[in-house]
Amino acid sequence: MDELIDILDSEGKPTGKTAMKSEAHRKGWFHPTVHIWLYTANGRLLLQQRARTKDIHPLLWDVSVAGHIGAGEAIEISAIREIQEEIGLTVPPEALEKIGVFKSMQKPSDELMDYEFHHTFLCELKEPLHHLKKQESEVEDLKLISLIQFSQETWGLANLGKYVPHSIEYYKTVIKEIKKRL
């Protein structure tokens, strides 16, 4: 789905310009996104398998919930909206814990430059997996995986081709922040 988004400079600062997401991806313009990692009290992480119809990294496993921040939309409102849309879960704003903003530059093809600043949150998942309702156009599958297994599979990027290729630093930060909360 194409949507109007804010354009950022290479340092993540607003430029005052907006564009359609498709144009930003075609021209390699930086823009803001939200990433929400959901974890359980017993050390499991909710992963989302990206839909097979996605332009970027179809069928790879990724962050629990992610999405673009609409033009002029508050970051936390975007995070709450994306959680509701992608997995059918209503989360209050106070359940979100921001752990940082991460610059990401991926170029899956000559026509597609995905340059983003991920506003990244953690949120404890208190609902069982079978209560979640995946958005078919975005999400192929959902699963819970132990934090230990996820750590082993992402820190050394041992499973290239299974996970979206975020930086090792990004994955390490997410894992360390979740461990602090267990």
N, C-alpha and C. Protein backbone atom coordinates (compact mmCIF):
# COMPACT_ATOMS: atom_id res chain seq x y z
N MET A 1 0.84 -1.18 0.00
CA MET A 1 0.00 0.00 0.00
C MET A 1 0.88 1.24 0.00
N ASP A 2 0.61 2.14 -0.92
CA ASP A 2 1.37 3.38 -0.98
C ASP A 2 0.76 4.37 0.01
N GLU A 3 1.60 5.19 0.60
CA GLU A 3 1.11 6.16 1.57
C GLU A 3 2.04 7.36 1.59
N LEU A 4 1.52 8.49 2.06
CA LEU A 4 2.29 9.72 2.17
C LEU A 4 3.15 9.65 3.43
N ILE A 5 4.46 9.90 3.27
CA ILE A 5 5.38 9.83 4.41
C ILE A 5 6.26 11.08 4.45
N ASP A 6 6.82 11.35 5.62
CA ASP A 6 7.76 12.45 5.78
C ASP A 6 9.12 12.04 5.27
N ILE A 7 9.84 12.99 4.68
CA ILE A 7 11.20 12.75 4.18
C ILE A 7 12.19 13.33 5.18
N LEU A 8 13.23 12.56 5.47
CA LEU A 8 14.27 12.96 6.42
C LEU A 8 15.59 13.17 5.68
N ASP A 9 16.51 13.89 6.34
CA ASP A 9 17.86 13.99 5.77
C ASP A 9 18.66 12.77 6.21
N SER A 10 19.91 12.69 5.83
CA SER A 10 20.73 11.51 6.12
C SER A 10 21.08 11.37 7.61
N GLU A 11 20.75 12.39 8.40
CA GLU A 11 20.96 12.32 9.85
C GLU A 11 19.67 12.03 10.60
N GLY A 12 18.56 11.87 9.84
CA GLY A 12 17.27 11.56 10.47
C GLY A 12 16.45 12.76 10.86
N LYS A 13 16.85 13.92 10.41
CA LYS A 13 16.12 15.15 10.75
C LYS A 13 15.08 15.44 9.66
N PRO A 14 13.89 15.93 10.06
CA PRO A 14 12.84 16.24 9.07
C PRO A 14 13.31 17.31 8.08
N THR A 15 12.96 17.11 6.82
CA THR A 15 13.29 18.09 5.78
C THR A 15 12.13 19.04 5.53
N GLY A 16 10.95 18.71 6.06
CA GLY A 16 9.75 19.49 5.79
C GLY A 16 9.04 19.04 4.52
N LYS A 17 9.61 18.05 3.85
CA LYS A 17 9.01 17.54 2.62
C LYS A 17 8.29 16.23 2.89
N THR A 18 7.30 15.94 2.06
CA THR A 18 6.61 14.65 2.10
C THR A 18 6.64 14.05 0.70
N ALA A 19 6.42 12.75 0.64
CA ALA A 19 6.36 12.06 -0.65
C ALA A 19 5.62 10.75 -0.45
N MET A 20 5.19 10.17 -1.54
CA MET A 20 4.61 8.84 -1.46
C MET A 20 5.74 7.85 -1.16
N LYS A 21 5.42 6.82 -0.42
CA LYS A 21 6.41 5.81 -0.05
C LYS A 21 7.11 5.24 -1.29
N SER A 22 6.35 4.98 -2.32
CA SER A 22 6.94 4.40 -3.54
C SER A 22 8.00 5.33 -4.15
N GLU A 23 7.75 6.64 -4.11
CA GLU A 23 8.72 7.59 -4.65
C GLU A 23 9.97 7.64 -3.78
N ALA A 24 9.77 7.63 -2.45
CA ALA A 24 10.91 7.64 -1.53
C ALA A 24 11.78 6.40 -1.74
N HIS A 25 11.17 5.27 -1.99
CA HIS A 25 11.93 4.03 -2.23
C HIS A 25 12.62 4.07 -3.59
N ARG A 26 12.00 4.67 -4.56
CA ARG A 26 12.60 4.76 -5.90
C ARG A 26 13.78 5.72 -5.91
N LYS A 27 13.68 6.82 -5.14
CA LYS A 27 14.71 7.86 -5.17
C LYS A 27 15.71 7.75 -4.02
N GLY A 28 15.51 6.80 -3.12
CA GLY A 28 16.46 6.61 -2.03
C GLY A 28 16.41 7.71 -0.99
N TRP A 29 15.21 8.20 -0.70
CA TRP A 29 15.06 9.24 0.32
C TRP A 29 14.84 8.59 1.69
N PHE A 30 15.50 9.13 2.69
CA PHE A 30 15.32 8.63 4.05
C PHE A 30 13.92 8.97 4.56
N HIS A 31 13.37 8.05 5.36
CA HIS A 31 12.05 8.25 5.95
C HIS A 31 11.95 7.45 7.25
N PRO A 32 11.00 7.82 8.13
CA PRO A 32 10.89 7.15 9.42
C PRO A 32 9.96 5.94 9.38
N THR A 33 10.32 4.94 10.17
CA THR A 33 9.50 3.75 10.35
C THR A 33 9.43 3.40 11.83
N VAL A 34 8.53 2.49 12.16
CA VAL A 34 8.47 1.94 13.52
C VAL A 34 8.75 0.45 13.45
N HIS A 35 9.48 -0.04 14.44
CA HIS A 35 9.71 -1.47 14.66
C HIS A 35 9.27 -1.76 16.08
N ILE A 36 8.45 -2.77 16.25
CA ILE A 36 8.00 -3.17 17.58
C ILE A 36 8.31 -4.64 17.77
N TRP A 37 9.18 -4.93 18.73
CA TRP A 37 9.54 -6.30 19.07
C TRP A 37 8.71 -6.73 20.27
N LEU A 38 7.89 -7.76 20.10
CA LEU A 38 7.07 -8.28 21.18
C LEU A 38 7.73 -9.52 21.76
N TYR A 39 7.81 -9.58 23.08
CA TYR A 39 8.46 -10.70 23.77
C TYR A 39 7.56 -11.16 24.91
N THR A 40 7.75 -12.41 25.33
CA THR A 40 6.96 -12.95 26.44
C THR A 40 7.80 -12.96 27.71
N ALA A 41 7.13 -13.05 28.84
CA ALA A 41 7.82 -13.06 30.13
C ALA A 41 8.73 -14.27 30.28
N ASN A 42 8.46 -15.34 29.51
CA ASN A 42 9.30 -16.54 29.61
C ASN A 42 10.39 -16.58 28.53
N GLY A 43 10.72 -15.43 27.94
CA GLY A 43 11.88 -15.34 27.06
C GLY A 43 11.67 -15.79 25.63
N ARG A 44 10.47 -15.61 25.12
CA ARG A 44 10.20 -15.94 23.72
C ARG A 44 9.92 -14.65 22.95
N LEU A 45 10.24 -14.68 21.69
CA LEU A 45 10.13 -13.50 20.83
C LEU A 45 9.13 -13.80 19.72
N LEU A 46 8.23 -12.85 19.45
CA LEU A 46 7.29 -13.01 18.35
C LEU A 46 7.96 -12.55 17.06
N LEU A 47 8.00 -13.44 16.07
CA LEU A 47 8.55 -13.11 14.76
C LEU A 47 7.44 -13.12 13.73
N GLN A 48 7.60 -12.26 12.74
CA GLN A 48 6.66 -12.17 11.64
C GLN A 48 7.37 -12.63 10.36
N GLN A 49 6.72 -13.49 9.62
CA GLN A 49 7.23 -13.83 8.29
C GLN A 49 6.54 -12.89 7.31
N ARG A 50 7.36 -12.15 6.58
CA ARG A 50 6.82 -11.17 5.64
C ARG A 50 6.03 -11.87 4.53
N ALA A 51 4.96 -11.23 4.09
CA ALA A 51 4.09 -11.81 3.06
C ALA A 51 4.88 -12.07 1.78
N ARG A 52 4.46 -13.08 1.06
CA ARG A 52 5.13 -13.46 -0.20
C ARG A 52 4.98 -12.38 -1.27
N THR A 53 4.04 -11.48 -1.11
CA THR A 53 3.80 -10.41 -2.09
C THR A 53 4.60 -9.14 -1.82
N LYS A 54 5.38 -9.11 -0.75
CA LYS A 54 6.15 -7.92 -0.40
C LYS A 54 7.27 -7.67 -1.42
N ASP A 55 7.52 -6.39 -1.74
CA ASP A 55 8.60 -6.01 -2.66
C ASP A 55 9.98 -6.24 -2.03
N ILE A 56 10.05 -6.06 -0.73
CA ILE A 56 11.32 -6.14 -0.02
C ILE A 56 11.30 -7.36 0.91
N HIS A 57 12.25 -8.26 0.72
CA HIS A 57 12.45 -9.44 1.57
C HIS A 57 11.19 -10.30 1.77
N PRO A 58 10.51 -10.68 0.70
CA PRO A 58 9.34 -11.55 0.88
C PRO A 58 9.73 -12.87 1.53
N LEU A 59 8.85 -13.34 2.41
CA LEU A 59 8.95 -14.62 3.11
C LEU A 59 10.11 -14.73 4.10
N LEU A 60 10.85 -13.66 4.33
CA LEU A 60 11.89 -13.70 5.36
C LEU A 60 11.26 -13.37 6.72
N TRP A 61 11.86 -13.89 7.78
CA TRP A 61 11.40 -13.62 9.14
C TRP A 61 11.96 -12.27 9.58
N ASP A 62 11.15 -11.54 10.36
CA ASP A 62 11.50 -10.17 10.70
C ASP A 62 10.92 -9.80 12.05
N VAL A 63 11.09 -8.52 12.38
CA VAL A 63 10.56 -7.91 13.59
C VAL A 63 9.07 -8.25 13.73
N SER A 64 8.58 -8.32 14.97
CA SER A 64 7.19 -8.69 15.24
C SER A 64 6.21 -7.86 14.43
N VAL A 65 6.41 -6.54 14.45
CA VAL A 65 5.55 -5.60 13.73
C VAL A 65 6.42 -4.45 13.24
N ALA A 66 6.18 -4.01 12.01
CA ALA A 66 6.92 -2.88 11.47
C ALA A 66 6.04 -2.13 10.48
N GLY A 67 6.35 -0.87 10.30
CA GLY A 67 5.59 -0.11 9.32
C GLY A 67 6.11 1.30 9.16
N HIS A 68 5.62 1.94 8.13
CA HIS A 68 5.98 3.33 7.86
C HIS A 68 5.15 4.27 8.72
N ILE A 69 5.76 5.35 9.12
CA ILE A 69 5.06 6.38 9.88
C ILE A 69 4.42 7.32 8.86
N GLY A 70 3.12 7.51 8.96
CA GLY A 70 2.42 8.40 8.03
C GLY A 70 2.89 9.84 8.20
N ALA A 71 2.79 10.62 7.14
CA ALA A 71 3.20 12.04 7.18
C ALA A 71 2.47 12.74 8.32
N GLY A 72 3.24 13.38 9.20
CA GLY A 72 2.68 14.13 10.31
C GLY A 72 2.17 13.28 11.47
N GLU A 73 2.28 11.97 11.36
CA GLU A 73 1.77 11.07 12.40
C GLU A 73 2.77 10.96 13.54
N ALA A 74 2.27 10.95 14.77
CA ALA A 74 3.13 10.77 15.94
C ALA A 74 3.69 9.35 15.93
N ILE A 75 4.94 9.20 16.35
CA ILE A 75 5.63 7.92 16.30
C ILE A 75 4.89 6.85 17.10
N GLU A 76 4.50 7.15 18.34
CA GLU A 76 3.83 6.16 19.18
C GLU A 76 2.47 5.78 18.60
N ILE A 77 1.76 6.74 18.03
CA ILE A 77 0.46 6.46 17.41
C ILE A 77 0.65 5.51 16.23
N SER A 78 1.70 5.73 15.46
CA SER A 78 2.02 4.85 14.34
C SER A 78 2.31 3.43 14.84
N ALA A 79 3.08 3.31 15.91
CA ALA A 79 3.41 2.00 16.46
C ALA A 79 2.14 1.26 16.90
N ILE A 80 1.27 1.94 17.61
CA ILE A 80 0.02 1.34 18.08
C ILE A 80 -0.86 0.93 16.90
N ARG A 81 -0.93 1.79 15.89
CA ARG A 81 -1.73 1.50 14.69
C ARG A 81 -1.19 0.27 13.97
N GLU A 82 0.12 0.20 13.79
CA GLU A 82 0.72 -0.93 13.09
C GLU A 82 0.50 -2.25 13.83
N ILE A 83 0.60 -2.23 15.15
CA ILE A 83 0.34 -3.44 15.95
C ILE A 83 -1.09 -3.91 15.72
N GLN A 84 -2.02 -2.98 15.77
CA GLN A 84 -3.44 -3.33 15.55
C GLN A 84 -3.66 -3.87 14.14
N GLU A 85 -3.09 -3.21 13.14
CA GLU A 85 -3.30 -3.63 11.76
C GLU A 85 -2.66 -4.98 11.45
N GLU A 86 -1.41 -5.17 11.86
CA GLU A 86 -0.67 -6.36 11.43
C GLU A 86 -0.96 -7.62 12.23
N ILE A 87 -1.25 -7.47 13.54
CA ILE A 87 -1.49 -8.68 14.33
C ILE A 87 -2.78 -8.61 15.16
N GLY A 88 -3.58 -7.56 14.97
CA GLY A 88 -4.88 -7.48 15.63
C GLY A 88 -4.84 -7.31 17.13
N LEU A 89 -3.77 -6.73 17.64
CA LEU A 89 -3.60 -6.57 19.09
C LEU A 89 -3.69 -5.10 19.45
N THR A 90 -4.51 -4.80 20.47
CA THR A 90 -4.61 -3.43 20.96
C THR A 90 -3.65 -3.26 22.13
N VAL A 91 -2.75 -2.29 22.00
CA VAL A 91 -1.71 -2.05 23.01
C VAL A 91 -1.82 -0.60 23.48
N PRO A 92 -1.82 -0.38 24.79
CA PRO A 92 -1.83 0.99 25.28
C PRO A 92 -0.45 1.64 25.11
N PRO A 93 -0.40 2.96 24.94
CA PRO A 93 0.89 3.63 24.71
C PRO A 93 1.93 3.34 25.80
N GLU A 94 1.50 3.21 27.04
CA GLU A 94 2.45 2.99 28.13
C GLU A 94 3.09 1.60 28.08
N ALA A 95 2.58 0.70 27.26
CA ALA A 95 3.18 -0.64 27.13
C ALA A 95 4.40 -0.63 26.21
N LEU A 96 4.57 0.44 25.45
CA LEU A 96 5.70 0.55 24.52
C LEU A 96 6.92 1.14 25.22
N GLU A 97 8.07 0.53 25.02
CA GLU A 97 9.33 1.05 25.57
C GLU A 97 10.29 1.30 24.41
N LYS A 98 10.60 2.55 24.16
CA LYS A 98 11.50 2.88 23.05
C LYS A 98 12.94 2.56 23.45
N ILE A 99 13.64 1.84 22.56
CA ILE A 99 15.03 1.47 22.85
C ILE A 99 16.02 2.14 21.91
N GLY A 100 15.53 2.93 20.96
CA GLY A 100 16.46 3.63 20.09
C GLY A 100 15.92 3.88 18.70
N VAL A 101 16.75 4.58 17.93
CA VAL A 101 16.46 4.86 16.52
C VAL A 101 17.67 4.35 15.74
N PHE A 102 17.43 3.53 14.74
CA PHE A 102 18.50 2.86 14.00
C PHE A 102 18.42 3.21 12.53
N LYS A 103 19.53 3.67 12.00
CA LYS A 103 19.63 4.01 10.57
C LYS A 103 19.82 2.72 9.78
N SER A 104 19.07 2.59 8.71
CA SER A 104 19.15 1.39 7.87
C SER A 104 19.17 1.81 6.40
N MET A 105 20.13 1.25 5.67
CA MET A 105 20.23 1.53 4.24
C MET A 105 20.29 0.19 3.51
N GLN A 106 19.20 -0.17 2.87
CA GLN A 106 19.16 -1.41 2.11
C GLN A 106 18.76 -1.10 0.67
N LYS A 107 19.41 -1.78 -0.25
CA LYS A 107 19.13 -1.59 -1.67
C LYS A 107 18.88 -2.95 -2.30
N PRO A 108 17.62 -3.43 -2.18
CA PRO A 108 17.32 -4.76 -2.71
C PRO A 108 17.43 -4.86 -4.23
N SER A 109 17.31 -3.72 -4.93
CA SER A 109 17.45 -3.73 -6.39
C SER A 109 17.81 -2.32 -6.85
N ASP A 110 18.12 -2.17 -8.13
CA ASP A 110 18.45 -0.85 -8.67
C ASP A 110 17.27 0.11 -8.60
N GLU A 111 16.07 -0.43 -8.60
CA GLU A 111 14.86 0.40 -8.58
C GLU A 111 14.31 0.62 -7.18
N LEU A 112 14.94 0.02 -6.18
CA LEU A 112 14.38 0.08 -4.83
C LEU A 112 15.47 0.32 -3.79
N MET A 113 15.43 1.51 -3.20
CA MET A 113 16.38 1.89 -2.15
C MET A 113 15.58 2.18 -0.88
N ASP A 114 15.74 1.32 0.10
CA ASP A 114 14.97 1.41 1.33
C ASP A 114 15.85 2.03 2.41
N TYR A 115 15.81 3.34 2.52
CA TYR A 115 16.65 4.10 3.45
C TYR A 115 15.76 4.63 4.56
N GLU A 116 15.93 4.07 5.75
CA GLU A 116 15.00 4.33 6.84
C GLU A 116 15.69 4.61 8.17
N PHE A 117 14.94 5.25 9.04
CA PHE A 117 15.30 5.38 10.44
C PHE A 117 14.22 4.63 11.22
N HIS A 118 14.62 3.49 11.85
CA HIS A 118 13.68 2.64 12.58
C HIS A 118 13.56 3.13 14.02
N HIS A 119 12.41 3.67 14.38
CA HIS A 119 12.10 3.99 15.77
C HIS A 119 11.68 2.67 16.39
N THR A 120 12.52 2.14 17.29
CA THR A 120 12.38 0.76 17.73
C THR A 120 11.88 0.68 19.17
N PHE A 121 10.86 -0.17 19.35
CA PHE A 121 10.20 -0.33 20.64
C PHE A 121 10.19 -1.79 21.05
N LEU A 122 10.10 -2.01 22.37
CA LEU A 122 9.82 -3.32 22.93
C LEU A 122 8.44 -3.26 23.58
N CYS A 123 7.78 -4.41 23.60
CA CYS A 123 6.47 -4.50 24.23
C CYS A 123 6.27 -5.94 24.68
N GLU A 124 5.87 -6.12 25.94
CA GLU A 124 5.62 -7.48 26.41
C GLU A 124 4.33 -8.02 25.80
N LEU A 125 4.40 -9.21 25.26
CA LEU A 125 3.24 -9.88 24.68
C LEU A 125 2.58 -10.70 25.77
N LYS A 126 1.34 -10.36 26.09
CA LYS A 126 0.63 -11.05 27.17
C LYS A 126 -0.50 -11.93 26.64
N GLU A 127 -0.74 -11.88 25.35
CA GLU A 127 -1.78 -12.68 24.71
C GLU A 127 -1.15 -13.93 24.11
N PRO A 128 -1.88 -15.05 24.10
CA PRO A 128 -1.35 -16.24 23.44
C PRO A 128 -1.30 -16.04 21.92
N LEU A 129 -0.40 -16.74 21.29
CA LEU A 129 -0.19 -16.62 19.85
C LEU A 129 -1.49 -16.82 19.06
N HIS A 130 -2.31 -17.78 19.47
CA HIS A 130 -3.54 -18.07 18.72
C HIS A 130 -4.59 -16.96 18.80
N HIS A 131 -4.40 -15.99 19.68
CA HIS A 131 -5.33 -14.84 19.75
C HIS A 131 -4.97 -13.75 18.74
N LEU A 132 -3.79 -13.82 18.17
CA LEU A 132 -3.36 -12.79 17.23
C LEU A 132 -3.99 -13.05 15.86
N LYS A 133 -4.30 -11.96 15.16
CA LYS A 133 -4.92 -12.07 13.84
C LYS A 133 -4.02 -11.36 12.84
N LYS A 134 -3.36 -12.15 11.99
CA LYS A 134 -2.40 -11.56 11.05
C LYS A 134 -3.10 -10.88 9.88
N GLN A 135 -2.52 -9.78 9.45
CA GLN A 135 -2.97 -9.04 8.28
C GLN A 135 -2.44 -9.77 7.05
N GLU A 136 -3.30 -10.41 6.30
CA GLU A 136 -2.89 -11.28 5.20
C GLU A 136 -2.01 -10.57 4.17
N SER A 137 -2.26 -9.30 3.90
CA SER A 137 -1.49 -8.59 2.88
C SER A 137 -0.07 -8.27 3.33
N GLU A 138 0.20 -8.33 4.62
CA GLU A 138 1.51 -7.99 5.16
C GLU A 138 2.25 -9.18 5.77
N VAL A 139 1.50 -10.09 6.36
CA VAL A 139 2.08 -11.13 7.20
C VAL A 139 1.73 -12.52 6.67
N GLU A 140 2.74 -13.30 6.36
CA GLU A 140 2.55 -14.68 5.91
C GLU A 140 2.30 -15.60 7.10
N ASP A 141 3.10 -15.40 8.18
CA ASP A 141 2.99 -16.28 9.34
C ASP A 141 3.55 -15.56 10.56
N LEU A 142 3.18 -16.07 11.73
CA LEU A 142 3.70 -15.59 13.01
C LEU A 142 4.19 -16.79 13.80
N LYS A 143 5.27 -16.60 14.57
CA LYS A 143 5.72 -17.69 15.45
C LYS A 143 6.46 -17.10 16.64
N LEU A 144 6.50 -17.89 17.71
CA LEU A 144 7.30 -17.55 18.88
C LEU A 144 8.56 -18.39 18.84
N ILE A 145 9.68 -17.76 19.15
CA ILE A 145 10.98 -18.43 19.15
C ILE A 145 11.71 -18.03 20.43
N SER A 146 12.50 -18.93 20.98
CA SER A 146 13.24 -18.59 22.20
C SER A 146 14.26 -17.50 21.87
N LEU A 147 14.48 -16.63 22.83
CA LEU A 147 15.45 -15.55 22.64
C LEU A 147 16.85 -16.14 22.42
N ILE A 148 17.13 -17.25 23.06
CA ILE A 148 18.44 -17.91 22.88
C ILE A 148 18.62 -18.37 21.44
N GLN A 149 17.63 -19.03 20.90
CA GLN A 149 17.72 -19.50 19.51
C GLN A 149 17.84 -18.31 18.55
N PHE A 150 17.03 -17.28 18.79
CA PHE A 150 17.09 -16.09 17.94
C PHE A 150 18.48 -15.45 17.99
N SER A 151 19.05 -15.38 19.19
CA SER A 151 20.40 -14.83 19.36
C SER A 151 21.41 -15.61 18.53
N GLN A 152 21.35 -16.91 18.65
CA GLN A 152 22.30 -17.77 17.93
C GLN A 152 22.16 -17.61 16.42
N GLU A 153 20.94 -17.45 15.96
CA GLU A 153 20.71 -17.39 14.52
C GLU A 153 20.96 -16.02 13.90
N THR A 154 20.99 -14.97 14.71
CA THR A 154 21.16 -13.63 14.13
C THR A 154 22.50 -12.98 14.44
N TRP A 155 23.11 -13.27 15.57
CA TRP A 155 24.34 -12.57 15.94
C TRP A 155 25.46 -12.82 14.95
N GLY A 156 25.57 -14.03 14.48
CA GLY A 156 26.61 -14.31 13.49
C GLY A 156 26.05 -14.31 12.09
N LEU A 157 24.78 -13.90 11.98
CA LEU A 157 24.07 -13.95 10.70
C LEU A 157 24.25 -15.32 10.05
N ALA A 158 24.12 -16.35 10.91
CA ALA A 158 24.30 -17.72 10.46
C ALA A 158 23.18 -18.17 9.52
N ASN A 159 22.06 -17.51 9.59
CA ASN A 159 20.92 -17.93 8.78
C ASN A 159 20.54 -16.87 7.75
N LEU A 160 21.52 -16.46 6.97
CA LEU A 160 21.22 -15.55 5.87
C LEU A 160 20.21 -16.24 4.98
N GLY A 161 19.23 -15.51 4.56
CA GLY A 161 18.18 -16.12 3.76
C GLY A 161 16.98 -16.53 4.58
N LYS A 162 17.11 -16.51 5.91
CA LYS A 162 15.98 -16.81 6.79
C LYS A 162 15.41 -15.53 7.40
N TYR A 163 16.32 -14.61 7.77
CA TYR A 163 15.93 -13.36 8.42
C TYR A 163 16.22 -12.16 7.52
N VAL A 164 15.44 -11.09 7.73
CA VAL A 164 15.74 -9.83 7.06
C VAL A 164 17.14 -9.41 7.52
N PRO A 165 18.00 -8.99 6.61
CA PRO A 165 19.40 -8.69 6.97
C PRO A 165 19.59 -7.32 7.64
N HIS A 166 19.06 -7.20 8.87
CA HIS A 166 19.37 -6.01 9.67
C HIS A 166 20.82 -6.15 10.14
N SER A 167 21.40 -5.07 10.62
CA SER A 167 22.79 -5.14 11.07
C SER A 167 22.91 -5.98 12.34
N ILE A 168 24.07 -6.57 12.54
CA ILE A 168 24.33 -7.35 13.75
C ILE A 168 24.17 -6.46 14.97
N GLU A 169 24.62 -5.21 14.89
CA GLU A 169 24.49 -4.27 16.01
C GLU A 169 23.02 -4.07 16.38
N TYR A 170 22.17 -3.97 15.38
CA TYR A 170 20.74 -3.79 15.63
C TYR A 170 20.18 -5.02 16.36
N TYR A 171 20.45 -6.21 15.83
CA TYR A 171 19.95 -7.42 16.47
C TYR A 171 20.49 -7.56 17.89
N LYS A 172 21.78 -7.28 18.09
CA LYS A 172 22.37 -7.39 19.44
C LYS A 172 21.69 -6.43 20.42
N THR A 173 21.42 -5.21 19.98
CA THR A 173 20.76 -4.23 20.85
C THR A 173 19.38 -4.72 21.26
N VAL A 174 18.61 -5.19 20.30
CA VAL A 174 17.26 -5.69 20.60
C VAL A 174 17.33 -6.84 21.61
N ILE A 175 18.20 -7.79 21.37
CA ILE A 175 18.32 -8.96 22.25
C ILE A 175 18.76 -8.54 23.65
N LYS A 176 19.76 -7.69 23.74
CA LYS A 176 20.24 -7.24 25.06
C LYS A 176 19.16 -6.48 25.82
N GLU A 177 18.39 -5.65 25.13
CA GLU A 177 17.33 -4.88 25.78
C GLU A 177 16.20 -5.79 26.28
N ILE A 178 15.88 -6.82 25.51
CA ILE A 178 14.85 -7.75 25.97
C ILE A 178 15.36 -8.52 27.19
N LYS A 179 16.62 -8.97 27.15
CA LYS A 179 17.19 -9.71 28.28
C LYS A 179 17.12 -8.91 29.58
N LYS A 180 17.31 -7.60 29.49
CA LYS A 180 17.23 -6.73 30.68
C LYS A 180 15.85 -6.77 31.32
N ARG A 181 14.84 -7.07 30.53
CA ARG A 181 13.47 -7.01 31.02
C ARG A 181 12.93 -8.37 31.47
N LEU A 182 13.73 -9.41 31.31
CA LEU A 182 13.27 -10.74 31.70
C LEU A 182 13.66 -11.08 33.14
